Protein backbone atom coordinates (compact mmCIF):
# COMPACT_ATOMS: atom_id res chain seq x y z
CA UNK A 1 -1.33 -8.08 -13.38
CA UNK A 2 -1.86 -6.10 -10.22
CA UNK A 3 0.91 -5.60 -7.67
CA UNK A 4 1.18 -4.24 -4.14
CA UNK A 5 4.46 -2.46 -3.37
CA UNK A 6 5.39 -1.13 0.07
CA UNK A 7 8.73 0.64 0.47
CA UNK A 8 9.57 1.01 4.19
CA UNK A 9 11.78 3.96 5.13
CA UNK A 10 15.20 3.45 6.64
CA UNK A 11 15.71 5.09 10.03
CA UNK A 12 17.09 8.62 9.67
CA UNK A 13 16.32 8.89 5.93
CA UNK A 14 13.73 11.68 6.17
CA UNK A 15 16.10 14.46 4.95
CA UNK A 16 17.06 12.34 1.93
CA UNK A 17 13.39 11.54 1.28
CA UNK A 18 12.59 15.28 1.24
CA UNK A 19 15.54 15.97 -1.05
CA UNK A 20 14.28 13.36 -3.55
CA UNK A 21 10.58 14.21 -3.38
CA UNK A 22 10.34 15.85 -6.81
CA UNK A 23 12.28 12.98 -8.42
CA UNK A 24 9.94 10.50 -6.70
CA UNK A 25 6.83 12.31 -7.97
CA UNK A 26 8.27 12.59 -11.49
CA UNK A 27 9.02 8.86 -11.47
CA UNK A 28 5.49 8.07 -10.27
CA UNK A 29 4.00 10.40 -12.91
CA UNK A 30 5.32 7.92 -15.46
CA UNK A 31 3.08 5.25 -13.89
CA UNK A 32 -0.06 7.38 -13.39
CA UNK A 33 -2.21 5.30 -15.75
CA UNK A 34 -1.21 2.07 -14.00
CA UNK A 35 -1.94 3.25 -10.43
CA UNK A 36 -4.80 1.89 -8.36
CA UNK A 37 -3.63 3.58 -5.15
CA UNK A 38 -0.61 5.38 -3.78
CA UNK A 39 0.48 7.30 -0.73
CA UNK A 40 2.77 7.47 2.27
CA UNK A 41 2.45 5.70 5.58
CA UNK A 42 2.94 8.10 8.47
CA UNK A 43 4.41 8.05 11.96
CA UNK A 44 1.90 8.01 14.81
CA UNK A 45 4.12 10.39 16.79
CA UNK A 46 4.73 13.25 14.38
CA UNK A 47 3.07 12.39 11.06
CA UNK A 48 6.40 12.12 9.23
CA UNK A 49 6.52 9.61 6.35
CA UNK A 50 7.57 6.06 7.26
CA UNK A 51 7.04 4.37 3.90
CA UNK A 52 5.32 4.49 0.52
CA UNK A 53 2.48 2.30 -0.75
CA UNK A 54 1.83 1.80 -4.46
CA UNK A 55 -0.76 -0.52 -5.96
CA UNK A 56 -0.55 -0.74 -9.72
CA UNK A 57 -1.25 -2.83 -12.79
CA UNK A 58 1.87 -3.89 -14.69
CA UNK A 59 2.56 -6.48 -17.43
CA UNK A 60 4.47 -9.02 -15.31
CA UNK A 61 6.59 -9.59 -12.18
CA UNK A 62 9.74 -8.35 -13.94
CA UNK A 63 8.07 -5.00 -14.66
CA UNK A 64 6.94 -4.82 -11.02
CA UNK A 65 10.48 -5.45 -9.77
CA UNK A 66 11.80 -2.76 -12.13
CA UNK A 67 9.15 -0.34 -10.80
CA UNK A 68 10.06 -1.08 -7.17
CA UNK A 69 13.84 -1.10 -7.45
CA UNK A 70 14.36 1.68 -10.01
CA UNK A 71 12.42 4.15 -7.83
CA UNK A 72 14.72 7.11 -7.00
CA UNK A 73 14.30 6.81 -3.23
CA UNK A 74 15.17 3.12 -3.34
CA UNK A 75 18.21 3.81 -5.53
CA UNK A 76 19.43 6.51 -3.11
CA UNK A 77 18.92 4.48 0.09
CA UNK A 78 15.75 6.01 1.55
CA UNK A 79 14.15 2.60 2.10
CA UNK A 80 15.24 -0.27 4.34
CA UNK A 81 13.15 -2.89 2.56
CA UNK A 82 10.48 -3.47 -0.05
CA UNK A 83 7.45 -5.73 0.12
CA UNK A 84 6.39 -6.57 -3.44
CA UNK A 85 3.55 -9.01 -4.05
CA UNK A 86 0.95 -9.82 -6.67
CA UNK A 87 -2.38 -8.40 -5.59
CA UNK A 88 -6.02 -8.71 -6.63
CA UNK A 89 -8.30 -5.66 -6.56
CA UNK A 90 -11.47 -7.06 -4.99
CA UNK A 91 -13.17 -3.64 -5.03
CA UNK A 92 -12.63 -3.10 -8.75
CA UNK A 93 -11.89 0.60 -8.34
CA UNK A 94 -9.04 3.02 -7.73
CA UNK A 95 -8.51 5.20 -4.68
CA UNK A 96 -9.70 8.15 -6.78
CA UNK A 97 -13.08 6.41 -7.08
CA UNK A 98 -13.41 6.04 -3.28
CA UNK A 99 -16.72 7.73 -2.42
CA UNK A 100 -15.33 9.07 0.87
CA UNK A 101 -12.79 11.28 -0.88
CA UNK A 102 -9.15 11.86 -0.01
CA UNK A 103 -9.35 14.01 3.11
CA UNK A 104 -12.32 13.14 5.36
CA UNK A 105 -11.44 10.89 8.31
CA UNK A 106 -8.37 8.92 9.30
CA UNK A 107 -6.99 6.42 6.83
CA UNK A 108 -4.84 3.34 7.42
CA UNK A 109 -2.83 0.66 5.67
CA UNK A 110 -3.75 -2.71 7.17
CA UNK A 111 -1.30 -5.43 6.23
CA UNK A 112 -1.73 -9.05 7.27
CA UNK A 113 0.89 -11.63 6.31
CA UNK A 114 0.03 -15.29 6.50
CA UNK A 115 0.46 -18.76 5.07
CA UNK A 116 -1.76 -21.72 4.36
CA UNK A 117 -5.33 -21.55 3.16
CA UNK A 118 -6.38 -18.07 2.10
CA UNK A 119 -8.26 -15.82 4.49
CA UNK A 120 -10.41 -12.75 3.96
CA UNK A 121 -10.80 -13.53 0.26
CA UNK A 122 -14.17 -11.76 0.06
CA UNK A 123 -14.82 -8.09 0.66
CA UNK A 124 -15.76 -7.66 4.34
CA UNK A 125 -18.75 -5.70 5.63
CA UNK A 126 -18.11 -1.97 5.72
CA UNK A 127 -17.17 -1.82 2.04
CA UNK A 128 -17.97 1.91 1.99
CA UNK A 129 -14.96 2.51 4.26
CA UNK A 130 -12.56 0.47 2.13
CA UNK A 131 -10.34 2.43 -0.23
CA UNK A 132 -8.48 -0.63 -1.60
CA UNK A 133 -8.71 -4.28 -0.58
CA UNK A 134 -7.30 -7.57 -1.82
CA UNK A 135 -5.14 -10.63 -1.27
CA UNK A 136 -1.35 -10.64 -1.47
CA UNK A 137 -0.24 -13.46 -3.75
CA UNK A 138 2.90 -15.26 -4.95
CA UNK A 139 4.46 -14.17 -8.26
CA UNK A 140 2.43 -16.76 -10.17
CA UNK A 141 -0.79 -15.63 -8.42
CA UNK A 142 -1.49 -19.14 -7.10
CA UNK A 143 -0.49 -18.93 -3.42
CA UNK A 144 -2.13 -16.68 -0.84
CA UNK A 145 0.45 -14.81 1.29
CA UNK A 146 -1.73 -12.31 3.10
CA UNK A 147 -4.12 -9.41 2.63
CA UNK A 148 -3.63 -5.67 2.18
CA UNK A 149 -6.27 -3.01 2.74
CA UNK A 150 -6.44 0.76 2.70
CA UNK A 151 -9.31 1.76 4.93
CA UNK A 152 -10.93 4.82 6.45
CA UNK A 153 -11.58 4.22 10.15
CA UNK A 154 -11.90 6.20 13.39
CA UNK A 155 -8.87 4.44 14.95
CA UNK A 156 -6.25 1.73 14.32
CA UNK A 157 -8.21 -1.00 16.14
CA UNK A 158 -11.26 -0.44 13.96
CA UNK A 159 -9.05 -0.51 10.87
CA UNK A 160 -7.41 -3.78 12.03
CA UNK A 161 -10.86 -5.37 12.39
CA UNK A 162 -11.24 -5.58 8.59
CA UNK A 163 -8.99 -8.69 8.79
CA UNK A 164 -9.57 -11.94 10.69
CA UNK A 165 -6.95 -11.81 13.48
CA UNK A 166 -6.22 -15.50 13.98
CA UNK A 167 -5.49 -16.14 10.29
CA UNK A 168 -2.30 -14.08 10.13
CA UNK A 169 1.18 -14.34 11.62
CA UNK A 170 0.75 -10.65 12.38
CA UNK A 171 -1.29 -7.65 11.33
CA UNK A 172 0.34 -4.25 10.91
CA UNK A 173 -1.65 -1.02 10.95
CA UNK A 174 -0.05 2.21 9.70
CA UNK A 175 -1.51 5.68 9.28
CA UNK A 176 -1.77 6.31 5.54
CA UNK A 177 -2.80 9.21 3.34
CA UNK A 178 -3.76 9.63 -0.28
CA UNK A 179 -0.59 10.30 -2.23
CA UNK A 180 0.46 12.04 -5.36
CA UNK A 181 1.79 15.35 -6.45
CA UNK A 182 0.01 18.23 -4.66
CA UNK A 183 -2.18 20.26 -6.99
């Protein structure tokens, strides 16, 4: 089962985040085989981290909750909240398979939360600019709750355009970068 996990940083937690960085990476190393994508969201103003995105394949919702809430930053109070949803990988690849690579162009997390009939359930045009794309689902995988995408785009408005605006209660766009331990 695939899951989308977004830890949002608590205001003023950047020093603690830096202090726990090696513990975070070590924790994530234990999930390397399960990862589809990972990386921090970043502030528009100064590029400081504002959250952490992880998309991974785990056995069940209980394993996903353990992943999200046992994370060292969560345990220490770095994050103010966690969005954890079932997810479906419509691209069928990992971020490491993205043909655009990890560094060329600006990259964004586009997150649309909704209710009712599903929207954007097919891969939109511009697939070559999509790093990850799929619906957010209820724990049983039956109910559509939104859509999450990682996309390379020249600006936030272009990134936002990968979702149908009137089908969501709101669409968030955050700068995002490929994550993982630096090599």
